N, C-alpha and C. Protein backbone atom coordinates (compact mmCIF):
# COMPACT_ATOMS: atom_id res chain seq x y z
N MET A 1 -108.58 90.57 80.31
CA MET A 1 -109.86 91.21 80.65
C MET A 1 -109.32 91.92 82.15
N LEU A 2 -110.13 92.93 82.24
CA LEU A 2 -109.59 93.77 83.78
C LEU A 2 -110.01 93.54 84.90
N THR A 3 -109.31 93.22 85.90
CA THR A 3 -109.32 92.66 87.27
C THR A 3 -110.11 93.77 87.91
N GLU A 4 -110.96 93.11 89.08
CA GLU A 4 -112.12 93.83 89.90
C GLU A 4 -111.27 94.86 90.51
N GLU A 5 -110.03 94.62 90.84
CA GLU A 5 -109.26 95.57 91.63
C GLU A 5 -108.77 97.02 90.28
N LYS A 6 -108.84 96.90 89.31
CA LYS A 6 -108.38 97.84 88.20
C LYS A 6 -109.38 98.68 87.79
N GLN A 7 -110.86 98.04 88.12
CA GLN A 7 -112.37 99.07 88.21
C GLN A 7 -112.30 99.95 88.64
N ILE A 8 -113.07 101.07 88.33
CA ILE A 8 -113.49 102.21 89.16
C ILE A 8 -114.66 101.78 89.57
N SER A 9 -114.99 101.97 91.12
CA SER A 9 -116.46 101.74 91.41
C SER A 9 -117.22 102.86 91.90
N VAL A 10 -118.42 102.60 91.25
CA VAL A 10 -119.32 104.28 91.14
C VAL A 10 -120.36 103.51 91.97
N VAL A 11 -121.47 104.88 92.68
CA VAL A 11 -122.34 104.55 93.36
C VAL A 11 -123.04 105.77 92.74
N ILE A 12 -124.34 105.33 92.22
CA ILE A 12 -125.46 106.41 91.75
C ILE A 12 -126.35 106.69 92.84
N VAL A 13 -126.55 108.14 92.93
CA VAL A 13 -127.73 108.58 93.91
C VAL A 13 -128.61 109.34 93.38
N GLU A 14 -129.70 108.79 92.53
CA GLU A 14 -131.05 109.42 91.82
C GLU A 14 -132.24 108.90 92.10
N ASP A 15 -133.14 109.87 91.99
CA ASP A 15 -134.45 109.44 92.79
C ASP A 15 -135.12 108.59 91.92
N PHE A 16 -135.19 108.89 89.98
CA PHE A 16 -136.04 108.14 89.45
C PHE A 16 -135.13 106.93 88.93
N LYS A 17 -136.17 106.18 89.08
CA LYS A 17 -135.50 104.33 88.85
C LYS A 17 -134.94 104.51 87.27
N LEU A 18 -135.89 104.81 86.13
CA LEU A 18 -135.43 104.47 84.92
C LEU A 18 -134.19 105.26 84.55
N THR A 19 -133.92 106.45 85.36
CA THR A 19 -132.26 107.05 85.15
C THR A 19 -131.31 106.34 85.72
N ARG A 20 -131.69 105.75 86.98
CA ARG A 20 -130.92 104.97 87.71
C ARG A 20 -130.38 103.64 86.69
N VAL A 21 -131.51 103.18 86.25
CA VAL A 21 -131.45 101.82 85.46
C VAL A 21 -130.52 102.25 84.15
N GLY A 22 -130.72 103.12 83.64
CA GLY A 22 -130.38 103.59 82.61
C GLY A 22 -128.43 103.80 82.50
N LEU A 23 -128.54 104.66 83.69
CA LEU A 23 -126.84 105.32 84.02
C LEU A 23 -126.13 103.68 84.38
N ARG A 24 -127.06 102.72 85.26
CA ARG A 24 -126.06 101.64 85.42
C ARG A 24 -125.78 100.59 84.11
N CYS A 25 -126.80 100.84 83.49
CA CYS A 25 -126.51 99.81 82.48
C CYS A 25 -125.48 100.28 81.28
N ALA A 26 -125.82 101.68 80.88
CA ALA A 26 -124.65 102.35 80.18
C ALA A 26 -123.31 102.03 80.89
N LEU A 27 -123.12 102.37 82.21
CA LEU A 27 -121.43 102.51 82.44
C LEU A 27 -121.14 101.14 82.78
N ASN A 28 -122.23 100.33 83.00
CA ASN A 28 -121.25 98.83 83.24
C ASN A 28 -121.28 98.03 81.67
N SER A 29 -121.81 98.99 80.64
CA SER A 29 -121.14 98.30 79.69
C SER A 29 -119.47 98.64 79.42
N ASN A 30 -118.73 99.40 80.45
CA ASN A 30 -117.49 99.75 80.09
C ASN A 30 -116.68 98.75 81.03
N PRO A 31 -115.80 97.94 81.06
CA PRO A 31 -115.16 96.96 81.60
C PRO A 31 -114.45 97.40 82.77
N ASP A 32 -113.98 98.67 82.79
CA ASP A 32 -113.26 99.24 83.60
C ASP A 32 -114.29 99.92 84.73
N LEU A 33 -115.46 100.10 84.40
CA LEU A 33 -116.56 101.01 85.39
C LEU A 33 -117.42 99.76 86.14
N ASN A 34 -117.65 100.22 87.19
CA ASN A 34 -118.51 99.01 87.95
C ASN A 34 -119.38 99.73 88.87
N VAL A 35 -120.79 99.80 88.46
CA VAL A 35 -121.89 100.44 89.61
C VAL A 35 -122.05 99.36 90.38
N VAL A 36 -121.78 99.81 91.85
CA VAL A 36 -121.16 99.12 93.15
C VAL A 36 -123.04 99.11 93.66
N ALA A 37 -123.82 100.37 93.54
CA ALA A 37 -124.61 100.46 94.60
C ALA A 37 -125.69 101.60 93.80
N GLU A 38 -127.11 101.40 93.57
CA GLU A 38 -128.03 102.68 93.16
C GLU A 38 -128.75 103.09 94.34
N CYS A 39 -129.11 104.23 94.57
CA CYS A 39 -129.52 104.62 95.65
C CYS A 39 -130.77 105.56 95.26
N GLU A 40 -131.82 105.68 95.79
CA GLU A 40 -133.02 106.53 95.20
C GLU A 40 -133.08 107.90 96.05
N ASP A 41 -132.56 107.83 97.34
CA ASP A 41 -132.33 109.19 98.06
C ASP A 41 -130.93 109.27 98.83
N ALA A 42 -130.46 110.81 98.84
CA ALA A 42 -129.33 110.64 99.25
C ALA A 42 -129.05 110.26 100.82
N ILE A 43 -130.18 109.96 101.64
CA ILE A 43 -129.74 109.38 103.41
C ILE A 43 -129.51 108.02 103.13
N GLU A 44 -130.05 107.26 102.06
CA GLU A 44 -129.03 105.67 101.71
C GLU A 44 -127.97 105.98 100.68
N GLY A 45 -127.99 106.91 100.22
CA GLY A 45 -126.77 106.95 99.48
C GLY A 45 -125.44 107.38 100.34
N ILE A 46 -125.66 108.33 101.34
CA ILE A 46 -124.67 108.80 102.27
C ILE A 46 -124.31 107.24 102.99
N LYS A 47 -125.38 106.09 103.40
CA LYS A 47 -125.17 104.95 103.84
C LYS A 47 -123.96 104.08 102.90
N GLN A 48 -124.48 104.01 101.74
CA GLN A 48 -123.88 103.03 100.81
C GLN A 48 -122.30 103.64 100.65
N ILE A 49 -122.49 104.86 100.68
CA ILE A 49 -121.28 105.36 100.32
C ILE A 49 -120.42 105.16 101.61
N GLU A 50 -120.64 105.59 102.62
CA GLU A 50 -119.68 105.49 103.79
C GLU A 50 -119.14 103.76 103.99
N ARG A 51 -120.10 102.76 103.58
CA ARG A 51 -120.05 101.27 103.56
C ARG A 51 -119.00 100.99 102.32
N LEU A 52 -119.43 101.23 101.38
CA LEU A 52 -118.73 100.70 99.72
C LEU A 52 -117.31 101.40 99.68
N LYS A 53 -117.24 102.57 99.89
CA LYS A 53 -116.07 103.46 100.20
C LYS A 53 -115.72 103.26 98.74
N PRO A 54 -116.51 103.90 97.29
CA PRO A 54 -116.65 104.00 96.16
C PRO A 54 -115.38 105.12 95.51
N ASP A 55 -114.98 104.79 94.47
CA ASP A 55 -113.90 105.85 93.93
C ASP A 55 -114.93 106.91 93.36
N VAL A 56 -116.26 106.85 92.96
CA VAL A 56 -116.80 107.85 92.23
C VAL A 56 -118.03 107.65 92.64
N VAL A 57 -118.65 109.18 92.78
CA VAL A 57 -120.17 109.16 93.19
C VAL A 57 -121.09 109.65 91.92
N LEU A 58 -121.78 109.32 91.82
CA LEU A 58 -122.46 110.06 90.64
C LEU A 58 -123.95 110.56 91.38
N MET A 59 -124.03 111.99 91.74
CA MET A 59 -125.06 112.93 92.82
C MET A 59 -126.02 113.57 92.33
N ASP A 60 -127.28 113.24 92.14
CA ASP A 60 -128.40 114.03 91.36
C ASP A 60 -128.39 115.57 92.50
N LEU A 61 -128.90 116.29 92.12
CA LEU A 61 -128.96 117.30 93.00
C LEU A 61 -130.56 117.76 93.28
N GLY A 62 -131.53 117.23 92.70
CA GLY A 62 -132.94 117.22 93.11
C GLY A 62 -133.66 116.31 93.79
N LEU A 63 -133.11 115.73 94.86
CA LEU A 63 -133.38 114.24 95.98
C LEU A 63 -134.52 115.19 96.94
N PRO A 64 -134.94 113.95 97.00
CA PRO A 64 -135.81 114.24 98.02
C PRO A 64 -135.44 113.77 99.26
N MET A 65 -136.25 114.66 100.39
CA MET A 65 -135.52 114.73 101.82
C MET A 65 -134.26 115.26 102.18
N MET A 66 -133.20 115.23 101.48
CA MET A 66 -132.10 115.94 101.70
C MET A 66 -131.18 116.09 100.29
N ASN A 67 -131.28 117.19 99.70
CA ASN A 67 -130.94 117.38 98.15
C ASN A 67 -129.13 117.00 98.26
N GLY A 68 -128.87 116.81 96.91
CA GLY A 68 -127.66 116.47 96.45
C GLY A 68 -126.55 117.56 97.30
N ILE A 69 -126.54 118.78 97.11
CA ILE A 69 -125.72 119.76 98.11
C ILE A 69 -125.57 119.35 99.40
N GLU A 70 -126.77 119.27 100.19
CA GLU A 70 -126.36 118.58 101.56
C GLU A 70 -125.61 117.81 101.57
N ALA A 71 -126.30 116.95 100.62
CA ALA A 71 -125.53 115.21 100.70
C ALA A 71 -124.11 115.56 100.59
N MET A 72 -123.60 115.84 99.59
CA MET A 72 -122.18 116.31 99.41
C MET A 72 -121.14 116.66 100.54
N ILE A 73 -122.19 117.97 101.02
CA ILE A 73 -121.48 118.33 102.43
C ILE A 73 -121.11 117.07 103.44
N LYS A 74 -122.14 116.52 103.70
CA LYS A 74 -121.90 115.32 104.72
C LYS A 74 -120.91 113.96 104.05
N ILE A 75 -121.16 114.09 102.96
CA ILE A 75 -119.95 113.16 102.63
C ILE A 75 -118.65 113.32 102.62
N ARG A 76 -118.65 114.56 102.53
CA ARG A 76 -117.04 115.26 102.68
C ARG A 76 -116.47 115.05 103.87
N GLU A 77 -117.37 114.88 104.79
CA GLU A 77 -117.09 115.04 106.52
C GLU A 77 -116.59 113.67 106.39
N PHE A 78 -117.05 112.77 105.97
CA PHE A 78 -116.49 111.20 106.27
C PHE A 78 -115.68 110.56 105.20
N SER A 79 -115.74 111.31 103.94
CA SER A 79 -114.83 110.76 103.04
C SER A 79 -114.35 111.92 102.04
N PRO A 80 -113.21 112.60 102.43
CA PRO A 80 -113.17 113.63 101.89
C PRO A 80 -112.27 113.13 100.49
N ASP A 81 -111.78 112.01 100.21
CA ASP A 81 -111.48 111.89 99.01
C ASP A 81 -111.89 110.99 97.60
N VAL A 82 -113.59 110.60 98.43
CA VAL A 82 -114.05 110.33 97.26
C VAL A 82 -114.25 111.29 95.83
N LYS A 83 -114.44 111.01 94.93
CA LYS A 83 -114.70 111.97 93.83
C LYS A 83 -116.27 112.00 93.79
N ILE A 84 -116.68 113.12 93.71
CA ILE A 84 -118.36 113.33 93.39
C ILE A 84 -118.49 114.20 92.18
N ILE A 85 -119.14 113.66 91.25
CA ILE A 85 -120.19 114.01 90.20
C ILE A 85 -121.44 114.57 90.40
N ALA A 86 -121.63 115.99 90.00
CA ALA A 86 -123.08 116.42 90.10
C ALA A 86 -123.65 116.18 88.51
N LEU A 87 -124.71 115.49 88.44
CA LEU A 87 -125.05 115.17 87.69
C LEU A 87 -126.85 115.39 87.36
N THR A 88 -126.79 116.45 86.75
CA THR A 88 -128.31 117.27 87.15
C THR A 88 -128.62 117.70 86.03
N SER A 89 -129.98 118.25 85.88
CA SER A 89 -130.84 118.73 84.70
C SER A 89 -130.52 120.63 85.20
N HIS A 90 -130.02 120.80 86.15
CA HIS A 90 -130.21 122.08 86.56
C HIS A 90 -128.89 122.89 85.68
N ASP A 91 -129.10 123.72 84.98
CA ASP A 91 -127.99 124.63 84.84
C ASP A 91 -127.93 126.02 85.04
N ARG A 92 -128.44 126.27 86.17
CA ARG A 92 -128.60 127.73 86.93
C ARG A 92 -127.25 128.26 87.60
N GLU A 93 -127.10 129.35 87.31
CA GLU A 93 -125.69 129.56 88.33
C GLU A 93 -125.28 129.25 89.61
N GLU A 94 -126.43 129.35 90.36
CA GLU A 94 -126.55 129.11 91.71
C GLU A 94 -126.31 127.63 91.98
N GLU A 95 -127.00 126.68 91.35
CA GLU A 95 -126.80 125.26 91.61
C GLU A 95 -125.34 125.12 91.32
N VAL A 96 -124.79 125.42 89.94
CA VAL A 96 -123.01 125.18 89.65
C VAL A 96 -122.17 125.67 90.69
N VAL A 97 -122.29 126.83 91.02
CA VAL A 97 -121.60 127.45 92.08
C VAL A 97 -121.74 126.73 93.66
N ALA A 98 -123.17 126.11 94.13
CA ALA A 98 -123.13 125.63 95.16
C ALA A 98 -122.70 124.24 95.33
N ALA A 99 -122.71 123.36 93.81
CA ALA A 99 -122.26 121.88 93.85
C ALA A 99 -120.64 122.13 94.27
N LEU A 100 -120.14 123.12 93.41
CA LEU A 100 -118.80 123.08 93.10
C LEU A 100 -118.06 123.61 94.65
N SER A 101 -119.01 124.39 95.15
CA SER A 101 -118.61 124.96 96.53
C SER A 101 -118.48 124.00 97.70
N SER A 102 -119.35 122.97 97.32
CA SER A 102 -119.64 121.76 98.33
C SER A 102 -118.86 120.60 98.24
N GLY A 103 -118.41 120.72 97.41
CA GLY A 103 -117.20 119.51 97.11
C GLY A 103 -117.31 118.65 95.92
N ALA A 104 -118.16 119.18 94.94
CA ALA A 104 -118.53 118.38 93.67
C ALA A 104 -117.04 118.36 93.00
N ASN A 105 -116.60 117.57 92.32
CA ASN A 105 -114.98 117.45 91.49
C ASN A 105 -115.38 117.76 90.23
N ALA A 106 -116.82 117.75 89.81
CA ALA A 106 -117.30 117.58 88.20
C ALA A 106 -119.09 117.97 88.05
N TYR A 107 -119.11 118.85 87.37
CA TYR A 107 -120.55 118.88 87.02
C TYR A 107 -121.00 118.84 85.80
N CYS A 108 -122.16 117.69 85.80
CA CYS A 108 -122.41 117.28 84.35
C CYS A 108 -124.25 117.65 84.03
N LEU A 109 -124.46 118.04 83.12
CA LEU A 109 -125.56 117.97 82.83
C LEU A 109 -126.22 116.68 82.60
N LYS A 110 -127.68 116.35 82.78
CA LYS A 110 -128.00 114.79 82.48
C LYS A 110 -128.17 114.63 80.57
N ASP A 111 -128.03 115.53 79.79
CA ASP A 111 -127.85 115.17 78.40
C ASP A 111 -126.84 114.62 77.91
N ILE A 112 -126.07 114.40 79.20
CA ILE A 112 -124.59 114.02 78.54
C ILE A 112 -124.17 113.01 77.81
N ASP A 113 -123.69 112.95 76.83
CA ASP A 113 -123.52 111.46 75.91
C ASP A 113 -122.70 110.39 77.07
N PRO A 114 -123.30 109.18 76.88
CA PRO A 114 -123.29 107.86 78.01
C PRO A 114 -121.72 108.01 78.09
N THR A 115 -120.91 108.00 76.70
CA THR A 115 -119.43 107.75 76.25
C THR A 115 -118.82 108.74 76.91
N LYS A 116 -119.29 109.86 77.07
CA LYS A 116 -118.74 111.17 77.16
C LYS A 116 -118.30 111.17 78.78
N LEU A 117 -119.76 110.39 79.32
CA LEU A 117 -119.99 110.56 80.80
C LEU A 117 -119.03 109.46 81.30
N ALA A 118 -118.58 108.38 80.65
CA ALA A 118 -117.62 107.43 80.65
C ALA A 118 -116.55 107.76 80.85
N ASP A 119 -115.74 108.90 79.93
CA ASP A 119 -114.72 109.35 79.89
C ASP A 119 -114.52 110.09 81.44
N VAL A 120 -115.69 110.80 81.51
CA VAL A 120 -115.76 112.25 82.84
C VAL A 120 -115.11 111.32 84.02
N ILE A 121 -116.03 110.41 84.08
CA ILE A 121 -115.85 109.47 85.12
C ILE A 121 -114.34 108.58 85.35
N ARG A 122 -113.54 108.32 84.29
CA ARG A 122 -112.14 107.86 84.45
C ARG A 122 -111.26 109.00 84.83
N ASP A 123 -111.58 110.20 83.95
CA ASP A 123 -110.56 111.13 84.37
C ASP A 123 -111.07 111.94 85.83
N VAL A 124 -112.19 112.17 86.10
CA VAL A 124 -112.44 112.55 87.67
C VAL A 124 -112.12 111.60 88.70
N SER A 125 -111.89 110.16 88.49
CA SER A 125 -111.45 109.08 89.34
C SER A 125 -109.67 109.28 89.72
N GLN A 126 -109.14 110.03 88.42
CA GLN A 126 -107.88 110.28 88.40
C GLN A 126 -107.44 111.46 89.11
N GLY A 127 -108.35 112.35 89.25
CA GLY A 127 -108.21 113.55 90.37
C GLY A 127 -108.50 115.00 89.10
N VAL A 128 -108.86 114.54 88.25
CA VAL A 128 -109.35 116.01 87.36
C VAL A 128 -110.74 116.31 87.73
N CYS A 129 -110.63 117.63 87.86
CA CYS A 129 -111.84 118.59 88.02
C CYS A 129 -112.65 118.87 86.45
N TRP A 130 -113.55 118.72 86.29
CA TRP A 130 -114.38 118.76 85.24
C TRP A 130 -115.79 119.29 85.31
N ILE A 131 -115.94 120.28 84.56
CA ILE A 131 -117.45 121.44 84.44
C ILE A 131 -117.69 121.23 82.87
N ASP A 132 -118.99 120.78 82.79
CA ASP A 132 -119.73 120.72 81.50
C ASP A 132 -119.57 122.05 80.87
N SER A 133 -119.31 121.94 79.50
CA SER A 133 -118.79 123.43 78.54
C SER A 133 -120.02 124.44 78.68
N MET A 134 -121.51 123.80 78.82
CA MET A 134 -122.50 124.45 78.72
C MET A 134 -122.79 125.28 80.00
N VAL A 135 -122.27 124.67 81.11
CA VAL A 135 -122.35 125.47 82.34
C VAL A 135 -121.06 126.28 82.56
N SER A 136 -119.89 126.17 82.10
CA SER A 136 -118.61 126.29 82.66
C SER A 136 -118.36 127.88 82.78
N ASN A 137 -119.19 128.76 81.48
CA ASN A 137 -119.07 130.46 81.70
C ASN A 137 -119.62 130.46 82.91
N LEU A 138 -120.87 129.96 83.15
CA LEU A 138 -121.71 130.40 84.52
C LEU A 138 -120.38 130.39 85.97
N ALA A 139 -119.68 129.23 86.02
CA ALA A 139 -119.00 128.95 86.86
C ALA A 139 -117.87 130.19 86.92
N LEU A 140 -117.31 130.32 85.91
CA LEU A 140 -116.34 131.38 85.79
C LEU A 140 -116.86 132.92 86.12
N LYS A 141 -117.80 133.28 85.78
CA LYS A 141 -118.48 134.35 86.08
C LYS A 141 -119.05 134.65 87.53
N SER A 142 -119.28 133.64 88.27
CA SER A 142 -119.75 133.68 89.24
C SER A 142 -118.46 133.70 90.35
N ILE A 143 -117.18 133.24 90.30
CA ILE A 143 -116.13 133.85 91.10
C ILE A 143 -115.55 135.09 91.23
N PRO A 144 -115.76 135.67 92.12
CA PRO A 144 -115.09 136.83 92.62
C PRO A 144 -113.98 137.49 92.19
N LYS A 145 -113.39 138.60 91.20
CA LYS A 145 -112.25 138.77 90.94
C LYS A 145 -111.33 138.70 92.17
N ILE A 146 -110.09 137.86 91.80
CA ILE A 146 -109.14 138.25 92.92
C ILE A 146 -108.09 139.13 92.91
N GLU A 147 -108.00 139.85 93.72
CA GLU A 147 -107.18 140.63 93.64
C GLU A 147 -105.48 140.45 93.60
N ASN A 148 -104.80 141.28 92.76
CA ASN A 148 -103.38 141.13 92.28
C ASN A 148 -102.45 140.58 93.28
N VAL A 149 -102.14 139.75 93.46
CA VAL A 149 -100.96 139.21 94.42
C VAL A 149 -100.15 138.39 93.81
N GLY A 150 -98.89 138.81 94.55
CA GLY A 150 -97.73 137.97 94.43
C GLY A 150 -97.73 136.32 94.07
N LEU A 151 -97.18 135.78 93.25
CA LEU A 151 -97.39 134.40 93.12
C LEU A 151 -95.87 134.09 94.10
N LEU A 152 -95.15 134.31 94.57
CA LEU A 152 -93.88 134.04 95.32
C LEU A 152 -93.72 134.88 96.52
N GLY A 153 -93.75 134.39 97.82
CA GLY A 153 -93.42 135.54 98.69
C GLY A 153 -94.21 136.77 99.43
N GLY A 154 -95.18 136.58 98.78
CA GLY A 154 -96.33 137.60 98.95
C GLY A 154 -96.13 138.98 98.41
N GLN A 155 -95.09 138.93 97.51
CA GLN A 155 -94.70 140.17 96.68
C GLN A 155 -95.50 140.31 95.26
N ALA A 156 -95.76 141.57 95.26
CA ALA A 156 -96.43 141.97 94.01
C ALA A 156 -96.08 141.75 92.90
N ASN A 157 -96.91 141.03 91.91
CA ASN A 157 -96.36 140.67 90.35
C ASN A 157 -97.16 140.97 89.63
N GLU A 158 -97.07 141.87 89.44
CA GLU A 158 -98.16 142.54 88.31
C GLU A 158 -97.68 142.31 86.68
N GLN A 159 -98.82 141.33 86.28
CA GLN A 159 -99.02 140.99 84.91
C GLN A 159 -97.88 140.12 84.57
N ALA A 160 -97.66 138.94 85.61
CA ALA A 160 -96.67 138.09 85.44
C ALA A 160 -96.42 137.29 84.20
N LYS A 161 -95.77 137.24 83.14
CA LYS A 161 -95.80 136.47 82.20
C LYS A 161 -95.45 134.70 82.39
N ILE A 162 -96.47 134.16 82.08
CA ILE A 162 -96.32 132.70 82.36
C ILE A 162 -95.82 132.22 81.20
N PRO A 163 -94.73 131.36 81.61
CA PRO A 163 -94.09 130.91 80.24
C PRO A 163 -94.76 129.39 79.63
N LEU A 164 -96.04 129.51 78.90
CA LEU A 164 -96.24 128.48 78.89
C LEU A 164 -96.03 128.38 77.15
N THR A 165 -95.73 126.83 76.68
CA THR A 165 -95.39 126.75 75.25
C THR A 165 -96.52 126.93 74.09
N GLU A 166 -96.46 126.79 73.11
CA GLU A 166 -97.36 127.04 72.37
C GLU A 166 -98.70 125.54 71.94
N ARG A 167 -98.03 124.63 72.44
CA ARG A 167 -98.71 123.70 72.59
C ARG A 167 -99.57 123.88 73.79
N GLU A 168 -98.95 124.21 74.84
CA GLU A 168 -99.47 124.30 76.30
C GLU A 168 -100.68 125.36 76.21
N TYR A 169 -100.54 126.31 75.29
CA TYR A 169 -101.44 127.10 74.96
C TYR A 169 -102.61 126.77 74.54
N GLU A 170 -102.62 125.77 73.60
CA GLU A 170 -103.65 125.16 73.05
C GLU A 170 -104.27 124.35 73.96
N VAL A 171 -103.95 123.44 74.69
CA VAL A 171 -104.45 122.60 75.94
C VAL A 171 -105.14 123.37 76.73
N LEU A 172 -104.33 124.66 77.00
CA LEU A 172 -105.52 125.63 77.86
C LEU A 172 -106.50 126.29 77.28
N LYS A 173 -106.65 126.16 76.07
CA LYS A 173 -107.76 126.74 75.51
C LYS A 173 -109.00 125.81 75.66
N HIS A 174 -108.15 124.47 75.28
CA HIS A 174 -109.29 123.38 75.38
C HIS A 174 -110.16 122.89 77.13
N LEU A 175 -108.76 123.24 77.83
CA LEU A 175 -109.24 123.30 79.40
C LEU A 175 -110.45 124.01 80.08
N VAL A 176 -110.14 125.23 79.30
CA VAL A 176 -111.00 126.22 79.57
C VAL A 176 -112.58 126.03 78.93
N ALA A 177 -112.47 125.06 77.78
CA ALA A 177 -113.66 124.77 77.28
C ALA A 177 -114.33 123.76 78.06
N GLY A 178 -113.88 123.43 79.18
CA GLY A 178 -114.54 122.31 79.89
C GLY A 178 -114.24 120.88 79.46
N LYS A 179 -113.29 120.82 78.40
CA LYS A 179 -112.81 119.57 77.97
C LYS A 179 -111.90 118.65 78.79
N SER A 180 -112.17 117.42 78.58
CA SER A 180 -111.16 115.89 79.38
C SER A 180 -109.99 116.05 78.85
N ASN A 181 -109.50 115.43 79.80
CA ASN A 181 -107.76 114.89 78.87
C ASN A 181 -107.95 113.91 78.01
N THR A 182 -109.08 113.13 77.65
CA THR A 182 -109.26 112.37 76.54
C THR A 182 -109.65 113.17 75.43
N GLU A 183 -110.98 113.92 75.65
CA GLU A 183 -111.10 114.90 74.83
C GLU A 183 -109.80 115.61 73.90
N ILE A 184 -109.09 116.08 74.68
CA ILE A 184 -107.89 117.38 74.41
C ILE A 184 -106.84 116.15 73.70
N ALA A 185 -106.67 115.29 74.19
CA ALA A 185 -105.95 114.05 73.30
C ALA A 185 -106.34 113.83 71.98
N LYS A 186 -107.82 113.70 71.98
CA LYS A 186 -108.28 113.50 70.76
C LYS A 186 -108.11 114.58 69.77
N GLU A 187 -108.48 115.89 70.14
CA GLU A 187 -108.63 117.05 69.72
C GLU A 187 -107.01 117.19 68.91
N LEU A 188 -106.04 116.94 69.47
CA LEU A 188 -104.64 117.43 69.21
C LEU A 188 -103.90 116.15 68.73
N ILE A 189 -104.45 114.95 68.45
CA ILE A 189 -104.14 113.84 68.25
C ILE A 189 -102.81 113.27 68.65
N VAL A 190 -102.87 113.28 70.07
CA VAL A 190 -101.74 112.80 71.21
C VAL A 190 -102.40 111.81 71.93
N SER A 191 -101.54 111.32 72.63
CA SER A 191 -102.16 110.30 73.83
C SER A 191 -102.77 110.60 75.17
N VAL A 192 -103.58 110.19 75.43
CA VAL A 192 -104.17 110.76 76.91
C VAL A 192 -103.02 111.01 77.92
N HIS A 193 -102.07 110.28 77.99
CA HIS A 193 -101.01 110.34 78.61
C HIS A 193 -100.13 111.51 78.76
N THR A 194 -99.94 112.09 77.02
CA THR A 194 -99.42 113.21 76.80
C THR A 194 -100.15 114.40 77.17
N ALA A 195 -101.49 114.23 76.90
CA ALA A 195 -102.38 115.27 77.40
C ALA A 195 -102.38 115.48 78.90
N LYS A 196 -102.40 114.56 79.75
CA LYS A 196 -102.35 114.56 81.32
C LYS A 196 -101.25 115.70 81.55
N ALA A 197 -100.05 115.06 81.15
CA ALA A 197 -98.94 115.85 81.17
C ALA A 197 -98.55 117.11 80.85
N HIS A 198 -99.39 117.45 79.91
CA HIS A 198 -99.33 119.03 79.55
C HIS A 198 -100.09 119.66 80.77
N VAL A 199 -101.60 119.08 80.77
CA VAL A 199 -102.25 119.85 82.00
C VAL A 199 -101.27 119.98 83.18
N CYS A 200 -100.74 118.88 83.65
CA CYS A 200 -100.02 118.98 84.93
C CYS A 200 -98.93 120.01 84.63
N SER A 201 -98.38 120.30 83.77
CA SER A 201 -97.50 121.36 83.06
C SER A 201 -98.01 122.69 83.68
N ILE A 202 -99.11 122.98 82.77
CA ILE A 202 -99.83 123.87 82.85
C ILE A 202 -99.87 124.50 84.52
N LEU A 203 -100.65 123.48 85.23
CA LEU A 203 -101.27 123.84 86.68
C LEU A 203 -99.98 124.54 87.39
N GLN A 204 -98.88 123.64 87.00
CA GLN A 204 -97.33 123.96 87.81
C GLN A 204 -96.78 125.52 87.17
N LYS A 205 -97.08 125.64 86.13
CA LYS A 205 -96.26 127.05 85.63
C LYS A 205 -97.52 128.25 85.99
N MET A 206 -98.69 127.74 86.08
CA MET A 206 -99.68 128.83 86.91
C MET A 206 -100.10 128.63 88.10
N CYS A 207 -98.92 128.12 88.80
CA CYS A 207 -99.25 128.08 90.21
C CYS A 207 -100.53 127.86 90.94
N VAL A 208 -101.51 126.99 90.32
CA VAL A 208 -102.92 126.92 90.37
C VAL A 208 -102.97 125.24 90.92
N ASN A 209 -103.65 124.72 91.63
CA ASN A 209 -103.95 123.74 92.04
C ASN A 209 -104.82 122.38 91.32
N ASP A 210 -105.76 123.02 90.13
CA ASP A 210 -106.51 122.61 89.66
C ASP A 210 -106.80 122.99 88.40
N ARG A 211 -107.78 122.30 87.56
CA ARG A 211 -107.97 122.85 86.19
C ARG A 211 -109.06 123.68 86.50
N VAL A 212 -110.08 123.99 87.30
CA VAL A 212 -110.90 124.88 87.30
C VAL A 212 -110.26 126.38 87.94
N GLN A 213 -109.28 126.36 88.69
CA GLN A 213 -108.48 127.65 88.94
C GLN A 213 -107.63 127.77 87.81
N ALA A 214 -107.31 126.91 87.38
CA ALA A 214 -106.23 127.31 85.65
C ALA A 214 -107.23 128.03 84.91
N ALA A 215 -108.60 127.59 84.95
CA ALA A 215 -109.14 128.12 83.53
C ALA A 215 -109.77 129.74 84.22
N VAL A 216 -110.30 129.71 85.59
CA VAL A 216 -110.18 131.30 86.05
C VAL A 216 -109.40 132.04 85.48
N LYS A 217 -108.11 131.66 86.07
CA LYS A 217 -106.76 132.57 86.14
C LYS A 217 -106.91 132.79 84.48
N ALA A 218 -106.83 131.80 83.74
CA ALA A 218 -106.66 132.28 82.16
C ALA A 218 -107.69 133.26 81.58
N VAL A 219 -109.09 133.01 82.09
CA VAL A 219 -110.20 133.91 81.75
C VAL A 219 -109.66 135.27 82.50
N LYS A 220 -109.54 135.34 83.68
CA LYS A 220 -109.34 136.79 84.69
C LYS A 220 -107.78 137.52 83.96
N GLU A 221 -107.00 136.60 83.42
CA GLU A 221 -105.61 137.31 82.86
C GLU A 221 -105.84 137.45 81.53
N GLY A 222 -106.57 137.23 80.65
CA GLY A 222 -106.80 137.23 79.31
C GLY A 222 -105.93 136.49 78.10
N MET A 223 -105.69 135.31 78.90
CA MET A 223 -104.46 133.90 78.59
C MET A 223 -105.12 133.49 76.91
N VAL A 224 -106.47 133.43 77.08
CA VAL A 224 -107.09 133.09 76.22
C VAL A 224 -108.49 133.67 75.47
């Protein structure tokens, strides 16, 4: 049996009680996940997050008094390392961009399968950035085109060829589609550890910091 230390602690900030209860029951059915608090508004959520210091926060955007975007900005002031998942029914471009710009590590729509949500929480707790495939194109479209700059020493490096392996290109395609390491592992019939290793190698070779930047660069440069 997993010890408490190995569990991923989660705080839910959601104004609808039925949704909170459903999330808590679904997540707590996983032995490695532990919902430590449920909050019906952002003000209470901020207090509980500061007090409990959870690993992951599930944050609704449409909250009373203070919306989820404002809450994420405040949370980042005192807890820059906590992982925040925007969990919402909003799929408009402005909400996606605002959430990611305000510190969300992931953006999930509320119709996500509970098993999938559990996987996202696990991945995000390990530093993975994740965007629901239903809104990933909105996020990519909204990011301004970056002018061509050199990757090394500020020198121009026009259409530099990135030496990805054939398998890494496969992984990159899944990454652009918004799939988690667990999903990539299932698609390629490899271990999650192997999938994670491929993703890390891709980020290093592409000279980017996270999956979102890799996806943007892949689309902008026509790699996929």
